[in-house]
Amino acid sequence: MSYDNACKYLAEKYPAAFTNWLLGVPSPDIEVLKTELTNEPIRADAITFLRTANQILHIEFQTLPYSETPLPLRMLDYSVRLKRQYRCDVVQVIIFLQATASEMAFTQEYRDRTTSHRYQVIRLWEQDPALFLSVPGLLPLATLTQTDNPQALLMQVATQIATIPDREQQQTIASCTQIFAGLRFEKDIIRQLFREEMMQGSVIYQDILQQGREQEARSLIERQLKWRLGKLEPSLMARVRSLSIALLEVLGVALLDFSEVTDLVDWLKRNDPREAQATLVTRQLTRRFGQVKPALFERVYQLSIEQLESLGEALLDFSEVENLVTWLEQQEGSPQ
């Protein structure tokens, strides 16, 4: 499927989504018109004509700002042909998919000495992604909307696609999304995120939780964290693995907004009771013994919340770091 085919497919498969977006009103009765008009058709990237009530919505998608026939003249030509053939109002919109500084992407009028004709231009890279993320028919276009963190946006799109219950619709939307994402992202990033298991991440996650396969749920979250943040320190991964299933589910949503490791660390501090207890204990140990080897703190962070509470009481009797080492060895050697 090409850009042209993907654009036409979305507009003709989900006409209500496009009329609601571009006209601002719900249109219950929409007719997709044939794209052949009288005389020889002008070559275009992708065009769709949607008839609603007594008007026609002419949508033209552009990946490039130039064409053999200048865009303003082309819009005038189509408007005249549509009015002559269907005898009703015509609303015209050019949707530019790929960011460009070309003057053509900022031109909304054809003008010569005797004629003036206006149309609307939408530059996707300036659009708020919220609407696109909430409507299945617009989801693939969300990858090209405004964002300060393109990869996080792409992952949000993938997560939304994963919630589409109809398997066939999900696969088609995912295919269109990958095509549009190619205008902004490297192929390797797209392939990695839209692997079968990642693209369906939230669906798989819910399934394995329902079936009680906790380890699979944890493994999925670990893979997502690795993809978002890179390789994590063993101590940090140990803290993630110790999360309850309820907190793990919250993390699975929150990590979509993470851009660096400190985001995960901050989230753990805010959300994990065991993390709060571990932080308190490490502070007590530092106050009691001064400098403590990082390896010992890593072992402390791997303790359960019950063990941390016990350590908080036991350390009051410690006189040297070796007492802590002995206590940890006893805990690690005892059955959990």
Protein backbone atom coordinates (compact mmCIF):
# COMPACT_ATOMS: atom_id res chain seq x y z
CA MET A 1 0.00 0.00 0.00
CA SER A 2 1.41 3.44 -1.02
CA TYR A 3 0.86 6.84 0.61
CA ASP A 4 -1.80 7.58 -2.01
CA ASN A 5 -3.65 4.33 -1.42
CA ALA A 6 -3.42 4.67 2.36
CA CYS A 7 -4.88 8.19 2.22
CA LYS A 8 -7.75 7.17 -0.04
CA TYR A 9 -8.43 4.05 2.01
CA LEU A 10 -8.74 5.98 5.29
CA ALA A 11 -10.89 8.78 3.87
CA GLU A 12 -13.23 6.38 2.08
CA LYS A 13 -13.33 3.74 4.84
CA TYR A 14 -13.88 6.28 7.64
CA PRO A 15 -15.67 9.21 5.95
CA ALA A 16 -17.43 10.25 9.16
CA ALA A 17 -14.10 10.72 10.92
CA PHE A 18 -12.88 13.07 8.18
CA THR A 19 -16.10 15.06 7.81
CA ASN A 20 -16.34 15.51 11.59
CA TRP A 21 -12.73 16.69 11.69
CA LEU A 22 -12.72 18.94 8.62
CA LEU A 23 -16.30 20.27 8.69
CA GLY A 24 -16.70 20.32 12.46
CA VAL A 25 -20.16 18.74 12.42
CA PRO A 26 -21.35 15.12 12.52
CA SER A 27 -22.69 13.92 9.18
CA PRO A 28 -24.85 10.79 9.46
CA ASP A 29 -25.47 10.43 5.72
CA ILE A 30 -22.21 10.48 3.75
CA GLU A 31 -21.69 9.37 0.17
CA VAL A 32 -18.25 8.60 -1.23
CA LEU A 33 -18.21 9.93 -4.79
CA LYS A 34 -16.20 8.59 -7.68
CA THR A 35 -13.01 10.53 -8.28
CA GLU A 36 -13.34 10.67 -12.07
CA LEU A 37 -14.71 14.02 -13.22
CA THR A 38 -15.58 15.34 -16.63
CA ASN A 39 -12.60 15.91 -18.93
CA GLU A 40 -9.18 14.46 -18.23
CA PRO A 41 -8.52 14.22 -14.45
CA ILE A 42 -5.58 16.17 -13.05
CA ARG A 43 -2.91 13.96 -11.53
CA ALA A 44 -2.92 14.21 -7.73
CA ASP A 45 -1.26 12.51 -4.77
CA ALA A 46 -4.61 11.33 -3.41
CA ILE A 47 -8.08 12.83 -3.62
CA THR A 48 -11.40 11.91 -2.05
CA PHE A 49 -14.82 13.45 -2.61
CA LEU A 50 -17.37 13.07 0.20
CA ARG A 51 -20.93 14.30 -0.28
CA THR A 52 -22.72 15.39 2.90
CA ALA A 53 -26.17 16.99 2.83
CA ASN A 54 -25.96 19.58 0.02
CA GLN A 55 -22.21 20.03 -0.15
CA ILE A 56 -19.12 18.14 -1.25
CA LEU A 57 -15.97 17.83 0.82
CA HIS A 58 -12.96 17.61 -1.50
CA ILE A 59 -9.91 16.27 0.38
CA GLU A 60 -6.52 16.29 -1.27
CA PHE A 61 -3.49 14.76 0.45
CA GLN A 62 -0.01 15.98 -0.42
CA THR A 63 3.37 14.58 0.56
CA LEU A 64 5.23 17.16 -1.56
CA PRO A 65 4.46 20.87 -2.01
CA TYR A 66 4.87 20.91 -5.78
CA SER A 67 3.16 19.27 -8.76
CA GLU A 68 3.08 19.50 -12.54
CA THR A 69 -0.08 21.60 -12.31
CA PRO A 70 0.34 24.19 -9.51
CA LEU A 71 -1.81 23.33 -6.51
CA PRO A 72 -3.85 26.57 -6.40
CA LEU A 73 -4.83 26.18 -10.06
CA ARG A 74 -5.63 22.52 -9.51
CA MET A 75 -7.98 23.36 -6.63
CA LEU A 76 -9.77 25.95 -8.78
CA ASP A 77 -10.14 23.43 -11.61
CA TYR A 78 -11.58 20.75 -9.32
CA SER A 79 -13.98 23.22 -7.71
CA VAL A 80 -15.39 24.30 -11.06
CA ARG A 81 -15.76 20.72 -12.29
CA LEU A 82 -17.48 19.60 -9.08
CA LYS A 83 -19.91 22.52 -9.12
CA ARG A 84 -20.75 21.92 -12.77
CA GLN A 85 -21.28 18.17 -12.27
CA TYR A 86 -23.06 18.10 -8.87
CA ARG A 87 -24.45 21.66 -8.62
CA CYS A 88 -23.77 22.15 -4.90
CA ASP A 89 -21.32 23.87 -2.57
CA VAL A 90 -17.76 22.58 -2.48
CA VAL A 91 -15.46 22.68 0.56
CA GLN A 92 -11.84 22.02 -0.37
CA VAL A 93 -9.03 21.01 1.96
CA ILE A 94 -5.39 20.21 1.15
CA ILE A 95 -3.73 18.14 3.87
CA PHE A 96 0.05 18.35 3.81
CA LEU A 97 1.52 15.25 5.41
CA GLN A 98 5.23 16.02 5.55
CA ALA A 99 6.73 19.10 7.21
CA THR A 100 7.98 21.67 4.73
CA ALA A 101 8.80 25.37 4.67
CA SER A 102 7.60 25.68 1.07
CA GLU A 103 5.38 28.67 0.38
CA MET A 104 2.88 26.35 -1.29
CA ALA A 105 2.06 24.72 2.06
CA PHE A 106 1.06 28.16 3.36
CA THR A 107 -0.92 29.27 0.30
CA GLN A 108 -4.73 29.04 0.48
CA GLU A 109 -5.80 30.97 -2.59
CA TYR A 110 -5.62 31.02 -6.37
CA ARG A 111 -5.57 34.54 -7.75
CA ASP A 112 -5.02 36.10 -11.15
CA ARG A 113 -6.21 39.34 -12.76
CA THR A 114 -9.84 38.25 -13.01
CA THR A 115 -10.25 35.25 -10.66
CA SER A 116 -9.95 34.61 -6.94
CA HIS A 117 -10.56 31.19 -5.37
CA ARG A 118 -9.97 30.14 -1.76
CA TYR A 119 -9.48 26.74 -0.14
CA GLN A 120 -8.23 25.45 3.21
CA VAL A 121 -4.75 24.11 3.97
CA ILE A 122 -3.95 21.85 6.93
CA ARG A 123 -0.34 21.16 7.89
CA LEU A 124 -0.40 17.98 9.92
CA TRP A 125 2.79 18.81 11.79
CA GLU A 126 0.96 21.76 13.38
CA GLN A 127 -2.09 19.76 14.51
CA ASP A 128 -2.79 18.69 18.11
CA PRO A 129 -2.51 14.87 18.23
CA ALA A 130 -5.33 14.46 20.80
CA LEU A 131 -8.16 14.25 18.24
CA PHE A 132 -6.24 11.85 15.99
CA LEU A 133 -5.41 9.54 18.91
CA SER A 134 -9.09 9.28 19.85
CA VAL A 135 -10.50 8.30 16.43
CA PRO A 136 -9.47 4.98 14.79
CA GLY A 137 -9.84 6.33 11.25
CA LEU A 138 -7.42 9.19 12.01
CA LEU A 139 -4.92 7.20 14.11
CA PRO A 140 -2.38 6.63 11.30
CA LEU A 141 -2.17 10.39 10.70
CA ALA A 142 -1.42 11.00 14.38
CA THR A 143 2.18 9.90 13.76
CA LEU A 144 2.71 13.12 11.75
CA THR A 145 1.08 15.59 14.16
CA GLN A 146 2.67 18.13 16.50
CA THR A 147 4.97 16.75 19.20
CA ASP A 148 8.17 17.47 21.10
CA ASN A 149 8.82 13.74 21.42
CA PRO A 150 8.08 11.91 18.14
CA GLN A 151 9.01 8.45 19.46
CA ALA A 152 6.70 8.81 22.46
CA LEU A 153 3.90 9.85 20.10
CA LEU A 154 4.54 6.85 17.86
CA MET A 155 4.35 4.56 20.85
CA GLN A 156 1.07 6.18 21.93
CA VAL A 157 -0.33 5.46 18.49
CA ALA A 158 0.81 1.84 18.67
CA THR A 159 -0.79 1.47 22.09
CA GLN A 160 -4.08 2.91 20.84
CA ILE A 161 -4.06 0.56 17.88
CA ALA A 162 -3.54 -2.35 20.26
CA THR A 163 -6.87 -1.53 21.94
CA ILE A 164 -8.89 -1.91 18.71
CA PRO A 165 -10.94 -5.07 19.35
CA ASP A 166 -11.56 -6.01 15.71
CA ARG A 167 -8.51 -7.96 14.57
CA GLU A 168 -8.85 -7.12 10.86
CA GLN A 169 -9.40 -3.41 11.53
CA GLN A 170 -6.44 -3.39 13.90
CA GLN A 171 -4.11 -4.90 11.31
CA THR A 172 -5.22 -2.53 8.56
CA ILE A 173 -4.88 0.57 10.76
CA ALA A 174 -1.45 -0.67 11.85
CA SER A 175 -0.38 -1.09 8.22
CA CYS A 176 -1.50 2.44 7.32
CA THR A 177 0.24 3.79 10.41
CA GLN A 178 3.54 2.24 9.42
CA ILE A 179 3.26 3.77 5.95
CA PHE A 180 2.70 7.31 7.28
CA ALA A 181 5.28 6.86 10.04
CA GLY A 182 7.85 6.32 7.28
CA LEU A 183 7.64 10.05 6.52
CA ARG A 184 9.02 10.87 9.96
CA PHE A 185 10.81 7.82 11.43
CA GLU A 186 13.59 5.43 10.52
CA LYS A 187 12.41 2.02 9.35
CA ASP A 188 14.16 0.19 12.19
CA ILE A 189 12.22 2.16 14.83
CA ILE A 190 8.92 1.46 13.09
CA ARG A 191 9.67 -2.25 12.69
CA GLN A 192 10.75 -2.59 16.30
CA LEU A 193 7.68 -0.86 17.70
CA PHE A 194 5.23 -2.59 15.40
CA ARG A 195 6.49 -6.09 15.97
CA GLU A 196 3.48 -8.30 16.54
CA GLU A 197 4.05 -8.58 20.27
CA MET A 198 4.75 -4.88 20.75
CA MET A 199 1.92 -3.63 18.54
CA GLN A 200 -0.51 -5.69 20.59
CA GLY A 201 1.26 -4.93 23.86
CA SER A 202 -1.71 -3.80 25.87
CA VAL A 203 -3.96 -6.58 24.57
CA ILE A 204 -1.39 -9.25 25.37
CA TYR A 205 -0.78 -7.67 28.75
CA GLN A 206 -4.46 -7.85 29.70
CA ASP A 207 -4.73 -11.43 28.47
CA ILE A 208 -1.75 -12.71 30.40
CA LEU A 209 -2.89 -10.93 33.55
CA GLN A 210 -6.31 -12.53 33.27
CA GLN A 211 -4.69 -15.92 32.86
CA GLY A 212 -2.45 -15.38 35.87
CA ARG A 213 0.81 -15.47 33.91
CA GLU A 214 2.54 -12.77 35.95
CA GLN A 215 6.03 -13.51 34.71
CA GLU A 216 5.00 -12.91 31.10
CA ALA A 217 3.43 -9.60 32.11
CA ARG A 218 6.62 -8.54 33.83
CA SER A 219 8.73 -9.60 30.85
CA LEU A 220 6.59 -7.52 28.51
CA ILE A 221 6.96 -4.39 30.65
CA GLU A 222 10.72 -4.98 30.87
CA ARG A 223 10.99 -5.17 27.08
CA GLN A 224 9.00 -1.96 26.71
CA LEU A 225 11.22 -0.17 29.23
CA LYS A 226 14.33 -1.38 27.43
CA TRP A 227 12.97 -0.10 24.12
CA ARG A 228 12.08 3.29 25.62
CA LEU A 229 15.09 3.88 27.86
CA GLY A 230 17.83 1.50 26.75
CA LYS A 231 19.61 -0.94 29.02
CA LEU A 232 18.81 -0.33 32.69
CA GLU A 233 21.04 -0.97 35.70
CA PRO A 234 20.37 -4.32 37.41
CA SER A 235 19.36 -2.59 40.64
CA LEU A 236 16.72 -0.54 38.83
CA MET A 237 15.35 -3.58 37.01
CA ALA A 238 15.17 -5.39 40.36
CA ARG A 239 12.97 -2.61 41.70
CA VAL A 240 10.68 -2.90 38.67
CA ARG A 241 10.46 -6.68 39.06
CA SER A 242 9.40 -6.30 42.67
CA LEU A 243 6.32 -4.24 41.77
CA SER A 244 2.89 -5.64 42.47
CA ILE A 245 0.74 -6.56 39.48
CA ALA A 246 -1.49 -3.54 40.14
CA LEU A 247 1.49 -1.15 40.07
CA LEU A 248 2.95 -2.93 37.07
CA GLU A 249 -0.25 -2.22 35.16
CA VAL A 250 -0.03 1.49 36.08
CA LEU A 251 3.62 1.53 34.98
CA GLY A 252 2.68 -0.03 31.65
CA VAL A 253 0.66 3.09 30.85
CA ALA A 254 2.98 5.64 32.47
CA LEU A 255 6.10 4.47 30.61
CA LEU A 256 4.63 5.78 27.33
CA ASP A 257 5.57 9.28 28.53
CA PHE A 258 9.09 8.36 29.72
CA SER A 259 11.99 9.83 27.77
CA GLU A 260 14.90 9.14 30.14
CA VAL A 261 15.82 6.86 33.03
CA THR A 262 15.15 9.55 35.63
CA ASP A 263 11.48 9.48 34.61
CA LEU A 264 11.31 5.84 35.72
CA VAL A 265 13.22 6.55 38.94
CA ASP A 266 10.87 9.42 39.79
CA TRP A 267 7.83 7.30 39.02
CA LEU A 268 9.05 4.55 41.35
CA LYS A 269 9.59 7.05 44.14
CA ARG A 270 6.06 8.40 43.74
CA ASN A 271 4.18 5.15 43.28
CA ASP A 272 5.91 2.21 44.94
CA PRO A 273 5.43 1.81 48.75
CA ARG A 274 8.33 -0.61 48.80
CA GLU A 275 10.48 1.99 47.06
CA ALA A 276 9.59 4.57 49.70
CA GLN A 277 10.49 2.11 52.45
CA ALA A 278 13.78 1.23 50.72
CA THR A 279 14.67 4.92 50.41
CA LEU A 280 14.00 5.44 54.12
CA VAL A 281 16.14 2.45 55.12
CA THR A 282 19.07 3.48 52.92
CA ARG A 283 18.99 6.94 54.44
CA GLN A 284 19.06 5.41 57.91
CA LEU A 285 21.99 3.20 56.96
CA THR A 286 23.91 6.15 55.50
CA ARG A 287 23.31 8.18 58.63
CA ARG A 288 24.43 5.30 60.84
CA PHE A 289 27.52 4.13 58.93
CA GLY A 290 28.40 6.94 56.56
CA GLN A 291 29.58 5.69 53.17
CA VAL A 292 28.05 2.31 52.24
CA LYS A 293 29.10 0.35 49.17
CA PRO A 294 26.61 0.64 46.25
CA ALA A 295 26.51 -3.18 45.99
CA LEU A 296 25.02 -3.37 49.49
CA PHE A 297 22.37 -0.79 48.61
CA GLU A 298 21.49 -2.86 45.54
CA ARG A 299 20.87 -5.85 47.80
CA VAL A 300 18.74 -3.70 50.08
CA TYR A 301 16.62 -2.50 47.15
CA GLN A 302 15.89 -6.11 46.19
CA LEU A 303 14.23 -6.83 49.54
CA SER A 304 10.49 -7.17 49.89
CA ILE A 305 8.59 -4.49 51.79
CA GLU A 306 8.23 -6.86 54.76
CA GLN A 307 11.99 -7.45 54.83
CA LEU A 308 12.63 -3.72 54.56
CA GLU A 309 10.39 -3.07 57.54
CA SER A 310 12.29 -5.73 59.50
CA LEU A 311 15.62 -4.20 58.47
CA GLY A 312 14.40 -0.78 59.61
CA GLU A 313 14.01 -2.22 63.12
CA ALA A 314 17.11 -4.45 63.07
CA LEU A 315 19.56 -1.74 62.01
CA LEU A 316 18.99 0.03 65.34
CA ASP A 317 21.12 -2.72 66.87
CA PHE A 318 23.84 -2.63 64.18
CA SER A 319 27.21 -1.30 65.25
CA GLU A 320 29.12 -1.84 62.00
CA VAL A 321 28.50 -2.52 58.32
CA GLU A 322 29.32 -6.19 58.81
CA ASN A 323 26.14 -6.52 60.87
CA LEU A 324 24.21 -5.41 57.78
CA VAL A 325 26.08 -7.93 55.59
CA THR A 326 25.30 -10.75 58.02
CA TRP A 327 21.63 -9.74 58.21
CA LEU A 328 21.32 -9.67 54.42
CA GLU A 329 22.96 -13.09 54.07
CA GLN A 330 20.46 -14.49 56.54
CA GLN A 331 17.55 -13.02 54.59
CA GLU A 332 18.88 -14.22 51.25
CA GLY A 333 19.43 -17.70 52.63
CA SER A 334 15.99 -17.99 54.24
CA PRO A 335 12.93 -19.26 52.31
CA GLN A 336 10.73 -16.46 50.96
